[in-house]
């Protein structure tokens, strides 16, 4: 006859392994729902002009800011949500929620995603 404690331990370990494996999937699901949080009128937002706030530029290649590092773009910043209008997208940083920013733009509050 088998020991019931061994069966419970196997069941616990199996369920625990499945829960740990589900964590990356849950992250992917929640990342995809960020787009659902776009404002209703996002397509009507104006496009940001260079120097909007935080030394913003529409083309990162045009910046000479001391904090800028090659490869930093709006589209790979943690505040970036998604493209909305061609090369323009929505930024959830409080200083930029009233305008669309260019995917290849940059500002001094850039934070890697």
PDB file of N, CA and C in Angstrom:
ATOM      1  N   UNK A   1       0.831  -1.169   0.000  1.00  0.00           N
ATOM      2  CA  UNK A   1       0.000   0.000   0.000  1.00  0.00           C
ATOM      3  C   UNK A   1       0.881   1.240   0.000  1.00  0.00           C
ATOM      4  N   UNK A   2       0.505   2.245  -0.780  1.00  0.00           N
ATOM      5  CA  UNK A   2       1.342   3.445  -0.875  1.00  0.00           C
ATOM      6  C   UNK A   2       1.047   4.394   0.276  1.00  0.00           C
ATOM      7  N   UNK A   3       2.038   5.179   0.584  1.00  0.00           N
ATOM      8  CA  UNK A   3       1.946   6.139   1.669  1.00  0.00           C
ATOM      9  C   UNK A   3       1.162   7.372   1.194  1.00  0.00           C
ATOM     10  N   UNK A   4       0.044   7.762   1.864  1.00  0.00           N
ATOM     11  CA  UNK A   4      -0.748   8.910   1.413  1.00  0.00           C
ATOM     12  C   UNK A   4       0.027  10.223   1.492  1.00  0.00           C
ATOM     13  N   UNK A   5       1.007  10.309   2.361  1.00  0.00           N
ATOM     14  CA  UNK A   5       1.801  11.537   2.465  1.00  0.00           C
ATOM     15  C   UNK A   5       2.608  11.747   1.192  1.00  0.00           C
ATOM     16  N   UNK A   6       3.185  10.661   0.643  1.00  0.00           N
ATOM     17  CA  UNK A   6       3.944  10.787  -0.600  1.00  0.00           C
ATOM     18  C   UNK A   6       3.051  11.265  -1.738  1.00  0.00           C
ATOM     19  N   UNK A   7       1.825  10.789  -1.827  1.00  0.00           N
ATOM     20  CA  UNK A   7       0.882  11.209  -2.861  1.00  0.00           C
ATOM     21  C   UNK A   7       0.531  12.680  -2.729  1.00  0.00           C
ATOM     22  N   UNK A   8       0.323  13.136  -1.495  1.00  0.00           N
ATOM     23  CA  UNK A   8       0.011  14.551  -1.273  1.00  0.00           C
ATOM     24  C   UNK A   8       1.193  15.443  -1.643  1.00  0.00           C
ATOM     25  N   UNK A   9       2.388  14.982  -1.340  1.00  0.00           N
ATOM     26  CA  UNK A   9       3.582  15.770  -1.667  1.00  0.00           C
ATOM     27  C   UNK A   9       3.744  15.870  -3.176  1.00  0.00           C
ATOM     28  N   UNK A  10       3.528  14.779  -3.895  1.00  0.00           N
ATOM     29  CA  UNK A  10       3.624  14.807  -5.363  1.00  0.00           C
ATOM     30  C   UNK A  10       2.597  15.763  -5.952  1.00  0.00           C
ATOM     31  N   UNK A  11       1.367  15.691  -5.426  1.00  0.00           N
ATOM     32  CA  UNK A  11       0.312  16.575  -5.912  1.00  0.00           C
ATOM     33  C   UNK A  11       0.675  18.046  -5.646  1.00  0.00           C
ATOM     34  N   UNK A  12       1.202  18.329  -4.457  1.00  0.00           N
ATOM     35  CA  UNK A  12       1.610  19.684  -4.108  1.00  0.00           C
ATOM     36  C   UNK A  12       2.720  20.177  -5.044  1.00  0.00           C
ATOM     37  N   UNK A  13       3.736  19.366  -5.266  1.00  0.00           N
ATOM     38  CA  UNK A  13       4.847  19.766  -6.135  1.00  0.00           C
ATOM     39  C   UNK A  13       4.383  19.963  -7.574  1.00  0.00           C
ATOM     40  N   UNK A  14       3.514  19.094  -8.056  1.00  0.00           N
ATOM     41  CA  UNK A  14       3.003  19.218  -9.417  1.00  0.00           C
ATOM     42  C   UNK A  14       2.187  20.501  -9.568  1.00  0.00           C
ATOM     43  N   UNK A  15       1.307  20.787  -8.623  1.00  0.00           N
ATOM     44  CA  UNK A  15       0.506  22.008  -8.692  1.00  0.00           C
ATOM     45  C   UNK A  15       1.375  23.254  -8.551  1.00  0.00           C
ATOM     46  N   UNK A  16       2.384  23.189  -7.698  1.00  0.00           N
ATOM     47  CA  UNK A  16       3.298  24.321  -7.528  1.00  0.00           C
ATOM     48  C   UNK A  16       4.083  24.598  -8.798  1.00  0.00           C
ATOM     49  N   UNK A  17       4.529  23.560  -9.468  1.00  0.00           N
ATOM     50  CA  UNK A  17       5.276  23.735 -10.725  1.00  0.00           C
ATOM     51  C   UNK A  17       4.377  24.343 -11.795  1.00  0.00           C
ATOM     52  N   UNK A  18       3.125  23.936 -11.841  1.00  0.00           N
ATOM     53  CA  UNK A  18       2.203  24.501 -12.826  1.00  0.00           C
ATOM     54  C   UNK A  18       1.937  25.984 -12.530  1.00  0.00           C
ATOM     55  N   UNK A  19       1.839  26.339 -11.267  1.00  0.00           N
ATOM     56  CA  UNK A  19       1.605  27.741 -10.903  1.00  0.00           C
ATOM     57  C   UNK A  19       2.799  28.606 -11.292  1.00  0.00           C
ATOM     58  N   UNK A  20       4.007  28.123 -11.047  1.00  0.00           N
ATOM     59  CA  UNK A  20       5.216  28.880 -11.410  1.00  0.00           C
ATOM     60  C   UNK A  20       5.309  29.028 -12.925  1.00  0.00           C
ATOM     61  N   UNK A  21       4.935  28.001 -13.660  1.00  0.00           N
ATOM     62  CA  UNK A  21       4.976  28.064 -15.122  1.00  0.00           C
ATOM     63  C   UNK A  21       3.943  29.047 -15.665  1.00  0.00           C
ATOM     64  N   UNK A  22       2.874  29.296 -14.935  1.00  0.00           N
ATOM     65  CA  UNK A  22       1.822  30.203 -15.403  1.00  0.00           C
ATOM     66  C   UNK A  22       2.180  31.673 -15.227  1.00  0.00           C
ATOM     67  N   UNK A  23       3.160  32.002 -14.405  1.00  0.00           N
ATOM     68  CA  UNK A  23       3.520  33.401 -14.144  1.00  0.00           C
ATOM     69  C   UNK A  23       3.907  34.147 -15.419  1.00  0.00           C
ATOM     70  N   UNK A  24       4.807  33.614 -16.266  1.00  0.00           N
ATOM     71  CA  UNK A  24       5.126  34.361 -17.495  1.00  0.00           C
ATOM     72  C   UNK A  24       3.917  34.559 -18.404  1.00  0.00           C
ATOM     73  N   UNK A  25       3.020  33.605 -18.449  1.00  0.00           N
ATOM     74  CA  UNK A  25       1.817  33.748 -19.270  1.00  0.00           C
ATOM     75  C   UNK A  25       0.930  34.867 -18.737  1.00  0.00           C
ATOM     76  N   UNK A  26       0.807  34.961 -17.432  1.00  0.00           N
ATOM     77  CA  UNK A  26      -0.004  36.029 -16.838  1.00  0.00           C
ATOM     78  C   UNK A  26       0.602  37.393 -17.159  1.00  0.00           C
ATOM     79  N   UNK A  27       1.914  37.492 -17.197  1.00  0.00           N
ATOM     80  CA  UNK A  27       2.589  38.745 -17.537  1.00  0.00           C
ATOM     81  C   UNK A  27       2.270  39.144 -18.969  1.00  0.00           C
ATOM     82  N   UNK A  28       2.286  38.195 -19.889  1.00  0.00           N
ATOM     83  CA  UNK A  28       1.962  38.496 -21.276  1.00  0.00           C
ATOM     84  C   UNK A  28       0.519  38.963 -21.419  1.00  0.00           C
ATOM     85  N   UNK A  29      -0.383  38.338 -20.695  1.00  0.00           N
ATOM     86  CA  UNK A  29      -1.790  38.701 -20.782  1.00  0.00           C
ATOM     87  C   UNK A  29      -2.010  40.117 -20.260  1.00  0.00           C
ATOM     88  N   UNK A  30      -1.402  40.470 -19.129  1.00  0.00           N
ATOM     89  CA  UNK A  30      -1.604  41.804 -18.573  1.00  0.00           C
ATOM     90  C   UNK A  30      -0.915  42.865 -19.411  1.00  0.00           C
ATOM     91  N   UNK A  31       0.209  42.565 -20.043  1.00  0.00           N
ATOM     92  CA  UNK A  31       0.878  43.535 -20.921  1.00  0.00           C
ATOM     93  C   UNK A  31      -0.013  43.852 -22.115  1.00  0.00           C
ATOM     94  N   UNK A  32      -0.698  42.888 -22.640  1.00  0.00           N
ATOM     95  CA  UNK A  32      -1.580  43.107 -23.778  1.00  0.00           C
ATOM     96  C   UNK A  32      -2.816  43.917 -23.430  1.00  0.00           C
ATOM     97  N   UNK A  33      -3.232  43.916 -22.181  1.00  0.00           N
ATOM     98  CA  UNK A  33      -4.421  44.664 -21.811  1.00  0.00           C
ATOM     99  C   UNK A  33      -4.144  46.146 -21.644  1.00  0.00           C
ATOM    100  N   UNK A  34      -2.875  46.566 -21.642  1.00  0.00           N
ATOM    101  CA  UNK A  34      -2.561  47.988 -21.510  1.00  0.00           C
ATOM    102  C   UNK A  34      -3.177  48.782 -22.652  1.00  0.00           C
ATOM    103  N   UNK A  35      -3.249  48.180 -23.838  1.00  0.00           N
ATOM    104  CA  UNK A  35      -3.813  48.862 -24.992  1.00  0.00           C
ATOM    105  C   UNK A  35      -5.293  49.156 -24.755  1.00  0.00           C
ATOM    106  N   UNK A  36      -5.967  48.300 -24.028  1.00  0.00           N
ATOM    107  CA  UNK A  36      -7.375  48.527 -23.753  1.00  0.00           C
ATOM    108  C   UNK A  36      -7.580  49.765 -22.889  1.00  0.00           C
ATOM    109  N   UNK A  37      -6.527  50.244 -22.208  1.00  0.00           N
ATOM    110  CA  UNK A  37      -6.619  51.406 -21.351  1.00  0.00           C
ATOM    111  C   UNK A  37      -6.415  52.716 -22.074  1.00  0.00           C
ATOM    112  N   UNK A  38      -6.354  52.722 -23.391  1.00  0.00           N
ATOM    113  CA  UNK A  38      -6.190  53.961 -24.148  1.00  0.00           C
ATOM    114  C   UNK A  38      -7.428  54.839 -23.995  1.00  0.00           C
ATOM    115  N   UNK A  39      -7.230  56.150 -23.942  1.00  0.00           N
ATOM    116  CA  UNK A  39      -8.398  57.041 -23.893  1.00  0.00           C
ATOM    117  C   UNK A  39      -9.268  56.865 -25.135  1.00  0.00           C
ATOM    118  N   UNK A  40     -10.548  57.130 -24.997  1.00  0.00           N
ATOM    119  CA  UNK A  40     -11.482  56.977 -26.119  1.00  0.00           C
ATOM    120  C   UNK A  40     -11.132  57.885 -27.291  1.00  0.00           C
ATOM    121  N   UNK A  41     -10.640  59.078 -27.005  1.00  0.00           N
ATOM    122  CA  UNK A  41     -10.364  60.056 -28.061  1.00  0.00           C
ATOM    123  C   UNK A  41      -8.885  60.111 -28.436  1.00  0.00           C
ATOM    124  N   UNK A  42      -8.154  59.023 -28.218  1.00  0.00           N
ATOM    125  CA  UNK A  42      -6.706  59.042 -28.422  1.00  0.00           C
ATOM    126  C   UNK A  42      -6.322  59.430 -29.851  1.00  0.00           C
ATOM    127  N   UNK A  43      -7.124  59.064 -30.836  1.00  0.00           N
ATOM    128  CA  UNK A  43      -6.799  59.399 -32.224  1.00  0.00           C
ATOM    129  C   UNK A  43      -6.884  60.900 -32.480  1.00  0.00           C
ATOM    130  N   UNK A  44      -7.626  61.619 -31.639  1.00  0.00           N
ATOM    131  CA  UNK A  44      -7.801  63.062 -31.807  1.00  0.00           C
ATOM    132  C   UNK A  44      -6.723  63.884 -31.100  1.00  0.00           C
ATOM    133  N   UNK A  45      -5.840  63.238 -30.350  1.00  0.00           N
ATOM    134  CA  UNK A  45      -4.799  63.979 -29.636  1.00  0.00           C
ATOM    135  C   UNK A  45      -3.827  64.609 -30.630  1.00  0.00           C
ATOM    136  N   UNK A  46      -3.329  65.806 -30.327  1.00  0.00           N
ATOM    137  CA  UNK A  46      -2.332  66.417 -31.205  1.00  0.00           C
ATOM    138  C   UNK A  46      -0.997  65.682 -31.088  1.00  0.00           C
ATOM    139  N   UNK A  47      -0.160  65.867 -32.078  1.00  0.00           N
ATOM    140  CA  UNK A  47       1.176  65.255 -32.060  1.00  0.00           C
ATOM    141  C   UNK A  47       2.138  66.194 -31.336  1.00  0.00           C
ATOM    142  N   UNK A  48       2.977  65.618 -30.499  1.00  0.00           N
ATOM    143  CA  UNK A  48       3.916  66.416 -29.705  1.00  0.00           C
ATOM    144  C   UNK A  48       4.907  67.133 -30.608  1.00  0.00           C
ATOM    145  N   UNK A  49       5.219  68.344 -30.235  1.00  0.00           N
ATOM    146  CA  UNK A  49       6.248  69.126 -30.913  1.00  0.00           C
ATOM    147  C   UNK A  49       7.567  68.910 -30.182  1.00  0.00           C
ATOM    148  N   UNK A  50       8.687  69.080 -30.885  1.00  0.00           N
ATOM    149  CA  UNK A  50       9.984  69.022 -30.215  1.00  0.00           C
ATOM    150  C   UNK A  50       9.966  69.980 -29.027  1.00  0.00           C
ATOM    151  N   UNK A  51      10.600  69.568 -27.948  1.00  0.00           N
ATOM    152  CA  UNK A  51      10.676  70.349 -26.708  1.00  0.00           C
ATOM    153  C   UNK A  51       9.318  70.518 -26.027  1.00  0.00           C
ATOM    154  N   UNK A  52       8.405  69.578 -26.220  1.00  0.00           N
ATOM    155  CA  UNK A  52       7.095  69.606 -25.545  1.00  0.00           C
ATOM    156  C   UNK A  52       7.298  69.694 -24.033  1.00  0.00           C
ATOM    157  N   UNK A  53       7.904  68.731 -23.443  1.00  0.00           N
ATOM    158  CA  UNK A  53       8.264  68.669 -22.023  1.00  0.00           C
ATOM    159  C   UNK A  53       9.460  67.740 -21.909  1.00  0.00           C
ATOM    160  N   UNK A  54      10.242  67.920 -20.892  1.00  0.00           N
ATOM    161  CA  UNK A  54      11.354  67.015 -20.605  1.00  0.00           C
ATOM    162  C   UNK A  54      12.294  66.852 -21.802  1.00  0.00           C
ATOM    163  N   UNK A  55      12.571  67.935 -22.491  1.00  0.00           N
ATOM    164  CA  UNK A  55      13.486  67.936 -23.643  1.00  0.00           C
ATOM    165  C   UNK A  55      13.091  66.927 -24.712  1.00  0.00           C
ATOM    166  N   UNK A  56      11.800  66.723 -24.895  1.00  0.00           N
ATOM    167  CA  UNK A  56      11.293  65.775 -25.884  1.00  0.00           C
ATOM    168  C   UNK A  56      11.693  66.183 -27.300  1.00  0.00           C
ATOM    169  N   UNK A  57      12.082  65.173 -28.099  1.00  0.00           N
ATOM    170  CA  UNK A  57      12.331  65.361 -29.536  1.00  0.00           C
ATOM    171  C   UNK A  57      11.627  64.236 -30.285  1.00  0.00           C
ATOM    172  N   UNK A  58      11.132  64.546 -31.478  1.00  0.00           N
ATOM    173  CA  UNK A  58      10.432  63.543 -32.285  1.00  0.00           C
ATOM    174  C   UNK A  58      11.374  62.512 -32.893  1.00  0.00           C
ATOM    175  N   UNK A  59      12.657  62.852 -32.994  1.00  0.00           N
ATOM    176  CA  UNK A  59      13.648  61.930 -33.543  1.00  0.00           C
ATOM    177  C   UNK A  59      14.821  61.872 -32.576  1.00  0.00           C
ATOM    178  N   UNK A  60      15.006  60.729 -31.935  1.00  0.00           N
ATOM    179  CA  UNK A  60      16.052  60.584 -30.924  1.00  0.00           C
ATOM    180  C   UNK A  60      17.428  60.939 -31.468  1.00  0.00           C
ATOM    181  N   UNK A  61      17.642  60.780 -32.768  1.00  0.00           N
ATOM    182  CA  UNK A  61      18.939  61.112 -33.354  1.00  0.00           C
ATOM    183  C   UNK A  61      19.230  62.607 -33.267  1.00  0.00           C
ATOM    184  N   UNK A  62      18.191  63.420 -33.045  1.00  0.00           N
ATOM    185  CA  UNK A  62      18.369  64.870 -32.971  1.00  0.00           C
ATOM    186  C   UNK A  62      18.711  65.378 -31.577  1.00  0.00           C
ATOM    187  N   UNK A  63      18.738  64.517 -30.580  1.00  0.00           N
ATOM    188  CA  UNK A  63      18.986  64.987 -29.215  1.00  0.00           C
ATOM    189  C   UNK A  63      20.474  65.032 -28.900  1.00  0.00           C
ATOM    190  N   UNK A  64      20.832  66.011 -28.079  1.00  0.00           N
ATOM    191  CA  UNK A  64      22.211  66.092 -27.580  1.00  0.00           C
ATOM    192  C   UNK A  64      22.183  66.159 -26.059  1.00  0.00           C
ATOM    193  N   UNK A  65      21.140  65.594 -25.471  1.00  0.00           N
ATOM    194  CA  UNK A  65      20.950  65.588 -24.022  1.00  0.00           C
ATOM    195  C   UNK A  65      21.973  64.664 -23.368  1.00  0.00           C
ATOM    196  N   UNK A  66      22.479  65.058 -22.209  1.00  0.00           N
ATOM    197  CA  UNK A  66      23.499  64.275 -21.496  1.00  0.00           C
ATOM    198  C   UNK A  66      22.994  62.891 -21.083  1.00  0.00           C
ATOM    199  N   UNK A  67      21.697  62.726 -20.835  1.00  0.00           N
ATOM    200  CA  UNK A  67      21.162  61.434 -20.391  1.00  0.00           C
ATOM    201  C   UNK A  67      20.899  60.471 -21.541  1.00  0.00           C
ATOM    202  N   UNK A  68      20.847  60.975 -22.763  1.00  0.00           N
ATOM    203  CA  UNK A  68      20.509  60.118 -23.908  1.00  0.00           C
ATOM    204  C   UNK A  68      21.590  59.081 -24.156  1.00  0.00           C
ATOM    205  N   UNK A  69      21.148  57.846 -24.400  1.00  0.00           N
ATOM    206  CA  UNK A  69      22.038  56.759 -24.796  1.00  0.00           C
ATOM    207  C   UNK A  69      21.467  56.128 -26.055  1.00  0.00           C
ATOM    208  N   UNK A  70      22.358  55.730 -26.942  1.00  0.00           N
ATOM    209  CA  UNK A  70      21.954  55.105 -28.209  1.00  0.00           C
ATOM    210  C   UNK A  70      20.978  53.963 -27.949  1.00  0.00           C
ATOM    211  N   UNK A  71      19.925  53.905 -28.731  1.00  0.00           N
ATOM    212  CA  UNK A  71      18.938  52.838 -28.611  1.00  0.00           C
ATOM    213  C   UNK A  71      17.735  53.197 -27.761  1.00  0.00           C
ATOM    214  N   UNK A  72      17.802  54.309 -27.036  1.00  0.00           N
ATOM    215  CA  UNK A  72      16.663  54.727 -26.229  1.00  0.00           C
ATOM    216  C   UNK A  72      15.645  55.414 -27.132  1.00  0.00           C
ATOM    217  N   UNK A  73      14.467  54.839 -27.224  1.00  0.00           N
ATOM    218  CA  UNK A  73      13.390  55.376 -28.058  1.00  0.00           C
ATOM    219  C   UNK A  73      12.093  55.315 -27.263  1.00  0.00           C
ATOM    220  N   UNK A  74      11.161  56.183 -27.613  1.00  0.00           N
ATOM    221  CA  UNK A  74       9.851  56.145 -26.957  1.00  0.00           C
ATOM    222  C   UNK A  74       9.252  54.738 -27.021  1.00  0.00           C
ATOM    223  N   UNK A  75       9.370  54.074 -28.166  1.00  0.00           N
ATOM    224  CA  UNK A  75       8.729  52.777 -28.343  1.00  0.00           C
ATOM    225  C   UNK A  75       9.288  51.678 -27.445  1.00  0.00           C
ATOM    226  N   UNK A  76      10.455  51.897 -26.813  1.00  0.00           N
ATOM    227  CA  UNK A  76      10.956  50.886 -25.884  1.00  0.00           C
ATOM    228  C   UNK A  76      11.101  51.440 -24.463  1.00  0.00           C
ATOM    229  N   UNK A  77      10.301  52.460 -24.162  1.00  0.00           N
ATOM    230  CA  UNK A  77      10.253  53.071 -22.829  1.00  0.00           C
ATOM    231  C   UNK A  77       9.112  52.418 -22.039  1.00  0.00           C
ATOM    232  N   UNK A  78       9.240  52.386 -20.734  1.00  0.00           N
ATOM    233  CA  UNK A  78       8.185  51.776 -19.912  1.00  0.00           C
ATOM    234  C   UNK A  78       6.877  52.551 -19.949  1.00  0.00           C
ATOM    235  N   UNK A  79       6.900  53.812 -20.330  1.00  0.00           N
ATOM    236  CA  UNK A  79       5.678  54.608 -20.396  1.00  0.00           C
ATOM    237  C   UNK A  79       4.927  54.433 -21.723  1.00  0.00           C
ATOM    238  N   UNK A  80       5.573  53.840 -22.716  1.00  0.00           N
ATOM    239  CA  UNK A  80       4.971  53.628 -24.033  1.00  0.00           C
ATOM    240  C   UNK A  80       3.840  52.621 -23.904  1.00  0.00           C
ATOM    241  N   UNK A  81       2.686  52.921 -24.553  1.00  0.00           N
ATOM    242  CA  UNK A  81       1.563  51.989 -24.523  1.00  0.00           C
ATOM    243  C   UNK A  81       1.450  51.267 -25.856  1.00  0.00           C
ATOM    244  N   UNK A  82       1.237  52.015 -26.941  1.00  0.00           N
ATOM    245  CA  UNK A  82       1.099  51.369 -28.237  1.00  0.00           C
ATOM    246  C   UNK A  82       1.042  52.429 -29.330  1.00  0.00           C
ATOM    247  N   UNK A  83       1.294  51.980 -30.576  1.00  0.00           N
ATOM    248  CA  UNK A  83       1.123  52.861 -31.730  1.00  0.00           C
ATOM    249  C   UNK A  83      -0.360  53.134 -31.924  1.00  0.00           C
ATOM    250  N   UNK A  84      -0.681  54.367 -32.310  1.00  0.00           N
ATOM    251  CA  UNK A  84      -2.065  54.771 -32.479  1.00  0.00           C
ATOM    252  C   UNK A  84      -2.315  55.280 -33.894  1.00  0.00           C
ATOM    253  N   UNK A  85      -1.378  56.075 -34.412  1.00  0.00           N
ATOM    254  CA  UNK A  85      -1.552  56.731 -35.705  1.00  0.00           C
ATOM    255  C   UNK A  85      -0.230  56.670 -36.464  1.00  0.00           C
ATOM    256  N   UNK A  86      -0.057  55.640 -37.274  1.00  0.00           N
ATOM    257  CA  UNK A  86       1.192  55.485 -38.027  1.00  0.00           C
ATOM    258  C   UNK A  86       2.372  55.303 -37.093  1.00  0.00           C
ATOM    259  N   UNK A  87       3.335  56.233 -37.173  1.00  0.00           N
ATOM    260  CA  UNK A  87       4.538  56.168 -36.333  1.00  0.00           C
ATOM    261  C   UNK A  87       4.330  56.817 -34.969  1.00  0.00           C
ATOM    262  N   UNK A  88       3.148  57.284 -34.683  1.00  0.00           N
ATOM    263  CA  UNK A  88       2.838  58.002 -33.451  1.00  0.00           C
ATOM    264  C   UNK A  88       2.089  57.095 -32.488  1.00  0.00           C
ATOM    265  N   UNK A  89       2.397  57.261 -31.202  1.00  0.00           N
ATOM    266  CA  UNK A  89       1.763  56.408 -30.215  1.00  0.00           C
ATOM    267  C   UNK A  89       1.436  57.130 -28.929  1.00  0.00           C
ATOM    268  N   UNK A  90       0.879  56.378 -28.006  1.00  0.00           N
ATOM    269  CA  UNK A  90       0.429  56.928 -26.734  1.00  0.00           C
ATOM    270  C   UNK A  90       1.444  56.647 -25.641  1.00  0.00           C
ATOM    271  N   UNK A  91       1.749  57.692 -24.871  1.00  0.00           N
ATOM    272  CA  UNK A  91       2.663  57.611 -23.731  1.00  0.00           C
ATOM    273  C   UNK A  91       1.849  57.852 -22.470  1.00  0.00           C
ATOM    274  N   UNK A  92       2.013  56.993 -21.474  1.00  0.00           N
ATOM    275  CA  UNK A  92       1.216  57.157 -20.264  1.00  0.00           C
ATOM    276  C   UNK A  92       1.910  57.985 -19.185  1.00  0.00           C
ATOM    277  N   UNK A  93       3.061  58.591 -19.493  1.00  0.00           N
ATOM    278  CA  UNK A  93       3.683  59.512 -18.529  1.00  0.00           C
ATOM    279  C   UNK A  93       2.764  60.725 -18.395  1.00  0.00           C
ATOM    280  N   UNK A  94       2.531  61.218 -17.178  1.00  0.00           N
ATOM    281  CA  UNK A  94       1.592  62.324 -16.979  1.00  0.00           C
ATOM    282  C   UNK A  94       1.876  63.567 -17.841  1.00  0.00           C
ATOM    283  N   UNK A  95       3.106  63.811 -18.194  1.00  0.00           N
ATOM    284  CA  UNK A  95       3.431  64.983 -19.009  1.00  0.00           C
ATOM    285  C   UNK A  95       3.070  64.817 -20.478  1.00  0.00           C
ATOM    286  N   UNK A  96       2.763  63.591 -20.903  1.00  0.00           N
ATOM    287  CA  UNK A  96       2.533  63.332 -22.321  1.00  0.00           C
ATOM    288  C   UNK A  96       1.175  62.714 -22.637  1.00  0.00           C
ATOM    289  N   UNK A  97       0.291  62.607 -21.663  1.00  0.00           N
ATOM    290  CA  UNK A  97      -1.008  61.984 -21.918  1.00  0.00           C
ATOM    291  C   UNK A  97      -1.930  62.865 -22.757  1.00  0.00           C
ATOM    292  N   UNK A  98      -1.526  64.116 -22.977  1.00  0.00           N
ATOM    293  CA  UNK A  98      -2.357  65.022 -23.774  1.00  0.00           C
ATOM    294  C   UNK A  98      -1.889  65.148 -25.223  1.00  0.00           C
ATOM    295  N   UNK A  99      -0.870  64.380 -25.602  1.00  0.00           N
ATOM    296  CA  UNK A  99      -0.339  64.411 -26.965  1.00  0.00           C
ATOM    297  C   UNK A  99       0.091  63.007 -27.378  1.00  0.00           C
ATOM    298  N   UNK A 100       0.250  62.798 -28.679  1.00  0.00           N
ATOM    299  CA  UNK A 100       0.865  61.567 -29.183  1.00  0.00           C
ATOM    300  C   UNK A 100       2.356  61.824 -29.346  1.00  0.00           C
ATOM    301  N   UNK A 101       3.159  60.817 -29.088  1.00  0.00           N
ATOM    302  CA  UNK A 101       4.614  60.946 -29.254  1.00  0.00           C
ATOM    303  C   UNK A 101       5.075  60.037 -30.389  1.00  0.00           C
ATOM    304  N   UNK A 102       6.170  60.409 -30.996  1.00  0.00           N
ATOM    305  CA  UNK A 102       6.708  59.625 -32.109  1.00  0.00           C
ATOM    306  C   UNK A 102       7.427  58.398 -31.544  1.00  0.00           C
ATOM    307  N   UNK A 103       7.223  57.251 -32.160  1.00  0.00           N
ATOM    308  CA  UNK A 103       7.837  56.008 -31.690  1.00  0.00           C
ATOM    309  C   UNK A 103       9.347  56.067 -31.632  1.00  0.00           C
ATOM    310  N   UNK A 104       9.961  56.865 -32.502  1.00  0.00           N
ATOM    311  CA  UNK A 104      11.416  56.995 -32.505  1.00  0.00           C
ATOM    312  C   UNK A 104      11.872  58.281 -31.836  1.00  0.00           C
ATOM    313  N   UNK A 105      10.972  58.856 -31.017  1.00  0.00           N
ATOM    314  CA  UNK A 105      11.310  60.044 -30.246  1.00  0.00           C
ATOM    315  C   UNK A 105      12.024  59.683 -28.955  1.00  0.00           C
ATOM    316  N   UNK A 106      12.292  60.725 -28.144  1.00  0.00           N
ATOM    317  CA  UNK A 106      12.989  60.528 -26.868  1.00  0.00           C
ATOM    318  C   UNK A 106      12.706  61.728 -25.967  1.00  0.00           C
ATOM    319  N   UNK A 107      12.673  61.488 -24.652  1.00  0.00           N
ATOM    320  CA  UNK A 107      12.630  62.587 -23.679  1.00  0.00           C
ATOM    321  C   UNK A 107      13.458  62.201 -22.465  1.00  0.00           C
ATOM    322  N   UNK A 108      13.692  63.173 -21.603  1.00  0.00           N
ATOM    323  CA  UNK A 108      14.599  62.949 -20.466  1.00  0.00           C
ATOM    324  C   UNK A 108      14.010  62.082 -19.357  1.00  0.00           C
ATOM    325  N   UNK A 109      12.732  61.730 -19.425  1.00  0.00           N
ATOM    326  CA  UNK A 109      12.173  60.799 -18.444  1.00  0.00           C
ATOM    327  C   UNK A 109      12.149  59.361 -18.980  1.00  0.00           C
ATOM    328  N   UNK A 110      12.898  59.134 -20.047  1.00  0.00           N
ATOM    329  CA  UNK A 110      12.981  57.776 -20.617  1.00  0.00           C
ATOM    330  C   UNK A 110      13.351  56.782 -19.520  1.00  0.00           C
ATOM    331  N   UNK A 111      12.633  55.683 -19.490  1.00  0.00           N
ATOM    332  CA  UNK A 111      12.914  54.596 -18.540  1.00  0.00           C
ATOM    333  C   UNK A 111      12.792  53.282 -19.314  1.00  0.00           C
ATOM    334  N   UNK A 112      13.836  52.458 -19.303  1.00  0.00           N
ATOM    335  CA  UNK A 112      13.781  51.207 -20.072  1.00  0.00           C
ATOM    336  C   UNK A 112      12.624  50.322 -19.638  1.00  0.00           C
ATOM    337  N   UNK A 113      11.999  49.703 -20.620  1.00  0.00           N
ATOM    338  CA  UNK A 113      10.858  48.815 -20.318  1.00  0.00           C
ATOM    339  C   UNK A 113      11.336  47.489 -19.786  1.00  0.00           C
TER     340      UNK A 113
END
